[in-house]
Amino acid sequence: MAKIVVGVDPDSDENGIAIYKDGELIALHKWNTVHICQYIDEIIGTCDILFSIENVMANNFVYARNTNGNKNIQSLIAMKIGRCQNAQKEIMQWLDRYGIPYVLHKPQSGNWADKKDVFERVTGWEKQSNVDTRAAAYFGYLAVRS
């Protein structure tokens, strides 16, 4: 039976999604929770599934690097992080409902979001990607290699 690892970079609008099949990166997407559930409905029971999720719920509302004197900017940052945390919580609730296991990874500055060359070298991916899908690929990769 095939093993599917779904890497997730939670976001309030569309989550970065990376799909690995038997250790090989096969797809990158920007999906909301409805798309994720549709995908699960299509594959559940046909393979072993594991979700590997960046744990944005471990984030503080304002990173030290984003601290600045403008309280409005800090408030907007906190609101965006809170929305991402809610997106993660919603995904986890659906995975619990489906009975699909997941692992959470502490956010890491060394992920592939801004390192396209490293991402492509490690995964062999030559198609289009963006910061969200590369971050998702990184967190999926952590589960694939363990």
N, C-alpha and C. Protein backbone atom coordinates (compact mmCIF):
# COMPACT_ATOMS: atom_id res chain seq x y z
N MET A 1 0.85 -1.17 0.00
CA MET A 1 0.00 0.00 0.00
C MET A 1 0.90 1.24 0.00
N ALA A 2 0.55 2.21 -0.82
CA ALA A 2 1.33 3.44 -0.93
C ALA A 2 1.28 4.23 0.37
N LYS A 3 2.35 4.95 0.64
CA LYS A 3 2.39 5.84 1.79
C LYS A 3 2.36 7.29 1.29
N ILE A 4 1.36 8.03 1.73
CA ILE A 4 1.21 9.44 1.36
C ILE A 4 1.53 10.29 2.59
N VAL A 5 2.42 11.26 2.39
CA VAL A 5 2.69 12.26 3.41
C VAL A 5 2.26 13.60 2.83
N VAL A 6 1.42 14.31 3.57
CA VAL A 6 0.95 15.62 3.14
C VAL A 6 1.58 16.66 4.06
N GLY A 7 2.45 17.48 3.50
CA GLY A 7 3.05 18.58 4.24
C GLY A 7 2.12 19.77 4.17
N VAL A 8 1.97 20.48 5.30
CA VAL A 8 1.03 21.61 5.36
C VAL A 8 1.71 22.83 5.98
N ASP A 9 1.60 23.94 5.28
CA ASP A 9 1.96 25.25 5.81
C ASP A 9 0.64 26.00 6.01
N PRO A 10 0.09 26.00 7.25
CA PRO A 10 -1.23 26.58 7.47
C PRO A 10 -1.28 28.08 7.14
N ASP A 11 -2.39 28.46 6.53
CA ASP A 11 -2.61 29.87 6.19
C ASP A 11 -4.11 30.14 6.27
N SER A 12 -4.44 31.38 6.50
CA SER A 12 -5.85 31.73 6.70
C SER A 12 -6.66 31.67 5.42
N ASP A 13 -6.04 31.88 4.26
CA ASP A 13 -6.78 31.83 3.00
C ASP A 13 -6.64 30.47 2.34
N GLU A 14 -5.43 30.15 1.94
CA GLU A 14 -5.15 28.85 1.33
C GLU A 14 -3.85 28.32 1.91
N ASN A 15 -3.89 27.08 2.34
CA ASN A 15 -2.74 26.44 2.95
C ASN A 15 -1.76 25.99 1.87
N GLY A 16 -0.47 26.09 2.17
CA GLY A 16 0.51 25.47 1.30
C GLY A 16 0.45 23.97 1.53
N ILE A 17 0.38 23.21 0.44
CA ILE A 17 0.25 21.75 0.52
C ILE A 17 1.32 21.11 -0.36
N ALA A 18 2.00 20.11 0.19
CA ALA A 18 2.97 19.32 -0.56
C ALA A 18 2.62 17.85 -0.36
N ILE A 19 2.52 17.11 -1.45
CA ILE A 19 2.14 15.71 -1.36
C ILE A 19 3.33 14.84 -1.79
N TYR A 20 3.72 13.96 -0.89
CA TYR A 20 4.77 12.98 -1.14
C TYR A 20 4.12 11.60 -1.24
N LYS A 21 4.51 10.85 -2.25
CA LYS A 21 4.04 9.47 -2.39
C LYS A 21 5.26 8.57 -2.35
N ASP A 22 5.27 7.69 -1.37
CA ASP A 22 6.41 6.78 -1.17
C ASP A 22 7.74 7.53 -1.19
N GLY A 23 7.75 8.69 -0.54
CA GLY A 23 8.98 9.47 -0.38
C GLY A 23 9.30 10.45 -1.48
N GLU A 24 8.52 10.44 -2.56
CA GLU A 24 8.79 11.34 -3.69
C GLU A 24 7.75 12.46 -3.73
N LEU A 25 8.24 13.69 -3.85
CA LEU A 25 7.35 14.84 -3.97
C LEU A 25 6.63 14.76 -5.32
N ILE A 26 5.28 14.67 -5.26
CA ILE A 26 4.52 14.51 -6.51
C ILE A 26 3.61 15.69 -6.83
N ALA A 27 3.34 16.56 -5.83
CA ALA A 27 2.42 17.67 -6.11
C ALA A 27 2.58 18.78 -5.08
N LEU A 28 2.37 20.01 -5.55
CA LEU A 28 2.29 21.18 -4.70
C LEU A 28 0.98 21.89 -5.00
N HIS A 29 0.32 22.36 -3.94
CA HIS A 29 -0.97 23.04 -4.12
C HIS A 29 -1.12 24.17 -3.12
N LYS A 30 -2.08 25.04 -3.40
CA LYS A 30 -2.61 26.02 -2.44
C LYS A 30 -4.07 25.64 -2.27
N TRP A 31 -4.41 25.05 -1.11
CA TRP A 31 -5.75 24.53 -0.87
C TRP A 31 -6.34 25.09 0.41
N ASN A 32 -7.65 25.33 0.38
CA ASN A 32 -8.35 25.62 1.63
C ASN A 32 -8.78 24.29 2.25
N THR A 33 -9.42 24.35 3.39
CA THR A 33 -9.80 23.14 4.12
C THR A 33 -10.76 22.26 3.31
N VAL A 34 -11.64 22.86 2.54
CA VAL A 34 -12.58 22.09 1.73
C VAL A 34 -11.81 21.24 0.71
N HIS A 35 -10.80 21.83 0.06
CA HIS A 35 -9.99 21.07 -0.91
C HIS A 35 -9.24 19.92 -0.22
N ILE A 36 -8.72 20.19 0.97
CA ILE A 36 -8.02 19.14 1.71
C ILE A 36 -8.97 17.98 2.00
N CYS A 37 -10.17 18.28 2.46
CA CYS A 37 -11.15 17.22 2.76
C CYS A 37 -11.57 16.47 1.50
N GLN A 38 -11.71 17.17 0.38
CA GLN A 38 -12.03 16.50 -0.88
C GLN A 38 -10.92 15.52 -1.27
N TYR A 39 -9.67 15.94 -1.09
CA TYR A 39 -8.54 15.07 -1.39
C TYR A 39 -8.56 13.83 -0.49
N ILE A 40 -8.79 14.06 0.80
CA ILE A 40 -8.86 12.93 1.73
C ILE A 40 -9.97 11.97 1.32
N ASP A 41 -11.14 12.50 0.95
CA ASP A 41 -12.25 11.65 0.51
C ASP A 41 -11.84 10.79 -0.68
N GLU A 42 -11.01 11.33 -1.58
CA GLU A 42 -10.59 10.60 -2.78
C GLU A 42 -9.62 9.46 -2.46
N ILE A 43 -8.75 9.66 -1.46
CA ILE A 43 -7.68 8.67 -1.26
C ILE A 43 -7.83 7.81 -0.01
N ILE A 44 -8.70 8.20 0.91
CA ILE A 44 -8.79 7.45 2.17
C ILE A 44 -9.15 5.99 1.90
N GLY A 45 -8.45 5.12 2.58
CA GLY A 45 -8.67 3.68 2.40
C GLY A 45 -7.84 3.08 1.29
N THR A 46 -7.19 3.90 0.47
CA THR A 46 -6.38 3.38 -0.63
C THR A 46 -4.89 3.44 -0.34
N CYS A 47 -4.51 4.09 0.78
CA CYS A 47 -3.10 4.27 1.10
C CYS A 47 -2.96 4.61 2.58
N ASP A 48 -1.74 4.57 3.07
CA ASP A 48 -1.45 5.06 4.41
C ASP A 48 -1.21 6.56 4.29
N ILE A 49 -1.86 7.34 5.15
CA ILE A 49 -1.77 8.80 5.07
C ILE A 49 -1.22 9.35 6.39
N LEU A 50 -0.32 10.30 6.27
CA LEU A 50 0.19 11.04 7.41
C LEU A 50 0.27 12.51 7.02
N PHE A 51 -0.23 13.38 7.86
CA PHE A 51 -0.08 14.82 7.65
C PHE A 51 1.07 15.32 8.51
N SER A 52 1.89 16.17 7.94
CA SER A 52 3.05 16.75 8.62
C SER A 52 2.87 18.27 8.56
N ILE A 53 2.56 18.87 9.70
CA ILE A 53 2.05 20.24 9.75
C ILE A 53 3.00 21.15 10.51
N GLU A 54 3.25 22.33 9.94
CA GLU A 54 3.97 23.36 10.69
C GLU A 54 3.07 23.80 11.85
N ASN A 55 3.59 23.77 13.05
CA ASN A 55 2.79 24.09 14.23
C ASN A 55 2.80 25.60 14.49
N VAL A 56 2.01 26.32 13.71
CA VAL A 56 1.95 27.77 13.89
C VAL A 56 1.28 28.14 15.21
N MET A 57 0.61 27.18 15.84
CA MET A 57 0.01 27.45 17.14
C MET A 57 1.08 27.64 18.21
N ALA A 58 2.31 27.25 17.92
CA ALA A 58 3.42 27.45 18.84
C ALA A 58 3.99 28.87 18.73
N ASN A 59 3.54 29.63 17.73
CA ASN A 59 4.05 30.99 17.52
C ASN A 59 3.50 31.98 18.52
N ASN A 60 4.33 32.95 18.86
CA ASN A 60 3.83 34.12 19.58
C ASN A 60 3.09 34.97 18.57
N PHE A 61 2.24 35.85 19.06
CA PHE A 61 1.47 36.67 18.14
C PHE A 61 2.33 37.68 17.40
N VAL A 62 3.41 38.14 18.00
CA VAL A 62 4.30 39.07 17.31
C VAL A 62 5.72 38.56 17.48
N TYR A 63 6.36 38.20 16.38
CA TYR A 63 7.75 37.77 16.42
C TYR A 63 8.62 38.95 16.84
N ALA A 64 9.72 38.66 17.50
CA ALA A 64 10.65 39.71 17.90
C ALA A 64 11.13 40.49 16.68
N ARG A 65 11.35 39.80 15.55
CA ARG A 65 11.85 40.49 14.36
C ARG A 65 10.81 41.44 13.76
N ASN A 66 9.54 41.24 14.10
CA ASN A 66 8.48 42.11 13.58
C ASN A 66 8.11 43.23 14.55
N THR A 67 8.76 43.23 15.69
CA THR A 67 8.45 44.26 16.66
C THR A 67 8.89 45.61 16.12
N ASN A 68 7.98 46.52 16.12
CA ASN A 68 8.32 47.88 15.71
C ASN A 68 7.39 48.81 16.46
N GLY A 69 7.69 50.07 16.42
CA GLY A 69 6.93 51.03 17.21
C GLY A 69 5.50 51.22 16.78
N ASN A 70 5.13 50.75 15.60
CA ASN A 70 3.79 50.98 15.08
C ASN A 70 2.84 49.90 15.59
N LYS A 71 1.98 50.27 16.52
CA LYS A 71 1.04 49.31 17.12
C LYS A 71 0.04 48.77 16.10
N ASN A 72 -0.32 49.56 15.10
CA ASN A 72 -1.25 49.08 14.07
C ASN A 72 -0.64 47.93 13.28
N ILE A 73 0.63 48.04 12.94
CA ILE A 73 1.31 46.97 12.20
C ILE A 73 1.40 45.73 13.08
N GLN A 74 1.76 45.89 14.34
CA GLN A 74 1.84 44.75 15.25
C GLN A 74 0.48 44.07 15.40
N SER A 75 -0.57 44.86 15.44
CA SER A 75 -1.92 44.31 15.55
C SER A 75 -2.28 43.50 14.30
N LEU A 76 -1.93 44.00 13.12
CA LEU A 76 -2.20 43.27 11.88
C LEU A 76 -1.42 41.96 11.82
N ILE A 77 -0.17 42.00 12.26
CA ILE A 77 0.64 40.78 12.28
C ILE A 77 0.02 39.76 13.23
N ALA A 78 -0.37 40.22 14.42
CA ALA A 78 -0.98 39.32 15.40
C ALA A 78 -2.27 38.72 14.85
N MET A 79 -3.06 39.52 14.15
CA MET A 79 -4.32 39.03 13.58
C MET A 79 -4.04 37.97 12.52
N LYS A 80 -3.06 38.19 11.65
CA LYS A 80 -2.73 37.21 10.61
C LYS A 80 -2.24 35.90 11.23
N ILE A 81 -1.38 36.00 12.22
CA ILE A 81 -0.89 34.79 12.89
C ILE A 81 -2.05 34.05 13.55
N GLY A 82 -2.94 34.79 14.19
CA GLY A 82 -4.11 34.16 14.82
C GLY A 82 -4.98 33.43 13.80
N ARG A 83 -5.13 34.01 12.62
CA ARG A 83 -5.92 33.35 11.58
C ARG A 83 -5.23 32.08 11.08
N CYS A 84 -3.90 32.12 10.97
CA CYS A 84 -3.16 30.92 10.57
C CYS A 84 -3.29 29.84 11.64
N GLN A 85 -3.23 30.24 12.91
CA GLN A 85 -3.39 29.29 13.99
C GLN A 85 -4.78 28.64 13.93
N ASN A 86 -5.79 29.44 13.63
CA ASN A 86 -7.14 28.89 13.52
C ASN A 86 -7.24 27.92 12.34
N ALA A 87 -6.57 28.23 11.23
CA ALA A 87 -6.57 27.32 10.08
C ALA A 87 -5.94 25.99 10.47
N GLN A 88 -4.84 26.04 11.21
CA GLN A 88 -4.20 24.80 11.67
C GLN A 88 -5.15 24.00 12.56
N LYS A 89 -5.80 24.68 13.49
CA LYS A 89 -6.72 24.01 14.40
C LYS A 89 -7.85 23.33 13.63
N GLU A 90 -8.37 24.01 12.62
CA GLU A 90 -9.46 23.45 11.81
C GLU A 90 -8.99 22.20 11.06
N ILE A 91 -7.80 22.25 10.49
CA ILE A 91 -7.25 21.08 9.78
C ILE A 91 -7.11 19.91 10.76
N MET A 92 -6.56 20.19 11.93
CA MET A 92 -6.37 19.13 12.92
C MET A 92 -7.71 18.52 13.35
N GLN A 93 -8.73 19.34 13.49
CA GLN A 93 -10.05 18.83 13.86
C GLN A 93 -10.59 17.90 12.78
N TRP A 94 -10.42 18.27 11.52
CA TRP A 94 -10.88 17.40 10.44
C TRP A 94 -10.07 16.11 10.39
N LEU A 95 -8.76 16.20 10.59
CA LEU A 95 -7.95 14.99 10.58
C LEU A 95 -8.35 14.07 11.73
N ASP A 96 -8.64 14.64 12.90
CA ASP A 96 -9.13 13.83 14.01
C ASP A 96 -10.45 13.16 13.63
N ARG A 97 -11.32 13.88 12.97
CA ARG A 97 -12.62 13.33 12.54
C ARG A 97 -12.42 12.16 11.58
N TYR A 98 -11.48 12.31 10.65
CA TYR A 98 -11.19 11.24 9.68
C TYR A 98 -10.37 10.11 10.31
N GLY A 99 -9.76 10.35 11.46
CA GLY A 99 -8.88 9.35 12.07
C GLY A 99 -7.53 9.28 11.38
N ILE A 100 -7.10 10.38 10.81
CA ILE A 100 -5.82 10.44 10.09
C ILE A 100 -4.76 11.01 11.03
N PRO A 101 -3.63 10.31 11.18
CA PRO A 101 -2.59 10.81 12.07
C PRO A 101 -1.87 12.03 11.49
N TYR A 102 -1.31 12.82 12.39
CA TYR A 102 -0.51 13.97 11.97
C TYR A 102 0.59 14.20 12.99
N VAL A 103 1.65 14.84 12.52
CA VAL A 103 2.74 15.28 13.37
C VAL A 103 2.85 16.79 13.23
N LEU A 104 3.25 17.43 14.32
CA LEU A 104 3.42 18.88 14.33
C LEU A 104 4.90 19.20 14.46
N HIS A 105 5.34 20.18 13.69
CA HIS A 105 6.74 20.60 13.72
C HIS A 105 6.82 22.06 14.10
N LYS A 106 7.69 22.36 15.02
CA LYS A 106 7.92 23.73 15.44
C LYS A 106 8.34 24.56 14.22
N PRO A 107 7.82 25.77 14.07
CA PRO A 107 8.25 26.63 12.96
C PRO A 107 9.78 26.78 12.98
N GLN A 108 10.35 26.74 11.78
CA GLN A 108 11.80 26.79 11.67
C GLN A 108 12.21 27.80 10.62
N SER A 109 13.15 28.65 10.99
CA SER A 109 13.62 29.65 10.05
C SER A 109 14.40 29.02 8.90
N GLY A 110 14.89 27.81 9.09
CA GLY A 110 15.67 27.14 8.04
C GLY A 110 14.84 26.39 7.03
N ASN A 111 13.51 26.60 7.03
CA ASN A 111 12.70 25.86 6.05
C ASN A 111 12.95 26.41 4.65
N TRP A 112 12.34 25.80 3.66
CA TRP A 112 12.64 26.12 2.26
C TRP A 112 11.84 27.27 1.68
N ALA A 113 11.04 27.96 2.47
CA ALA A 113 10.17 29.02 1.94
C ALA A 113 10.95 29.99 1.06
N ASP A 114 12.07 30.46 1.56
CA ASP A 114 12.87 31.44 0.82
C ASP A 114 14.14 30.84 0.23
N LYS A 115 14.18 29.52 0.11
CA LYS A 115 15.39 28.84 -0.37
C LYS A 115 15.03 27.91 -1.52
N LYS A 116 14.58 28.51 -2.61
CA LYS A 116 14.13 27.72 -3.76
C LYS A 116 15.22 26.79 -4.28
N ASP A 117 16.45 27.27 -4.31
CA ASP A 117 17.54 26.44 -4.83
C ASP A 117 17.76 25.20 -3.96
N VAL A 118 17.70 25.34 -2.65
CA VAL A 118 17.86 24.20 -1.75
C VAL A 118 16.68 23.24 -1.91
N PHE A 119 15.47 23.80 -1.93
CA PHE A 119 14.26 23.00 -2.13
C PHE A 119 14.37 22.15 -3.40
N GLU A 120 14.75 22.77 -4.52
CA GLU A 120 14.84 22.04 -5.79
C GLU A 120 15.94 20.99 -5.77
N ARG A 121 17.07 21.32 -5.14
CA ARG A 121 18.18 20.36 -5.08
C ARG A 121 17.80 19.14 -4.25
N VAL A 122 17.15 19.35 -3.11
CA VAL A 122 16.81 18.23 -2.22
C VAL A 122 15.66 17.39 -2.78
N THR A 123 14.63 18.04 -3.33
CA THR A 123 13.45 17.30 -3.78
C THR A 123 13.49 16.90 -5.25
N GLY A 124 14.30 17.59 -6.06
CA GLY A 124 14.31 17.34 -7.49
C GLY A 124 13.16 18.02 -8.22
N TRP A 125 12.38 18.84 -7.51
CA TRP A 125 11.22 19.53 -8.09
C TRP A 125 11.68 20.60 -9.07
N GLU A 126 11.11 20.57 -10.28
CA GLU A 126 11.49 21.55 -11.30
C GLU A 126 10.31 22.38 -11.78
N LYS A 127 9.13 22.10 -11.25
CA LYS A 127 7.95 22.84 -11.65
C LYS A 127 7.78 24.07 -10.77
N GLN A 128 6.67 24.76 -10.96
CA GLN A 128 6.40 25.99 -10.22
C GLN A 128 6.23 25.73 -8.72
N SER A 129 6.69 26.68 -7.92
CA SER A 129 6.51 26.64 -6.48
C SER A 129 6.45 28.08 -5.97
N ASN A 130 6.02 28.23 -4.73
CA ASN A 130 6.05 29.55 -4.09
C ASN A 130 6.45 29.35 -2.63
N VAL A 131 6.54 30.44 -1.88
CA VAL A 131 7.03 30.33 -0.51
C VAL A 131 6.15 29.40 0.34
N ASP A 132 4.86 29.42 0.13
CA ASP A 132 3.95 28.58 0.92
C ASP A 132 4.09 27.10 0.57
N THR A 133 4.17 26.79 -0.70
CA THR A 133 4.28 25.38 -1.09
C THR A 133 5.66 24.82 -0.77
N ARG A 134 6.69 25.68 -0.86
CA ARG A 134 8.04 25.21 -0.47
C ARG A 134 8.11 24.95 1.04
N ALA A 135 7.47 25.81 1.83
CA ALA A 135 7.43 25.58 3.28
C ALA A 135 6.68 24.27 3.58
N ALA A 136 5.57 24.05 2.90
CA ALA A 136 4.82 22.80 3.08
C ALA A 136 5.68 21.60 2.70
N ALA A 137 6.43 21.73 1.61
CA ALA A 137 7.32 20.64 1.17
C ALA A 137 8.36 20.34 2.23
N TYR A 138 8.87 21.37 2.89
CA TYR A 138 9.87 21.19 3.92
C TYR A 138 9.30 20.37 5.09
N PHE A 139 8.11 20.75 5.54
CA PHE A 139 7.52 20.04 6.67
C PHE A 139 7.09 18.63 6.29
N GLY A 140 6.69 18.42 5.05
CA GLY A 140 6.43 17.07 4.58
C GLY A 140 7.70 16.24 4.54
N TYR A 141 8.77 16.87 4.08
CA TYR A 141 10.06 16.20 3.99
C TYR A 141 10.55 15.72 5.36
N LEU A 142 10.30 16.52 6.39
CA LEU A 142 10.71 16.11 7.74
C LEU A 142 10.07 14.78 8.12
N ALA A 143 8.81 14.58 7.74
CA ALA A 143 8.12 13.31 8.04
C ALA A 143 8.59 12.19 7.13
N VAL A 144 8.88 12.52 5.88
CA VAL A 144 9.33 11.50 4.93
C VAL A 144 10.66 10.90 5.37
N ARG A 145 11.56 11.76 5.81
CA ARG A 145 12.90 11.28 6.14
C ARG A 145 13.00 10.64 7.52
N SER A 146 11.97 10.76 8.35
CA SER A 146 12.06 10.17 9.70
C SER A 146 11.50 8.77 9.74
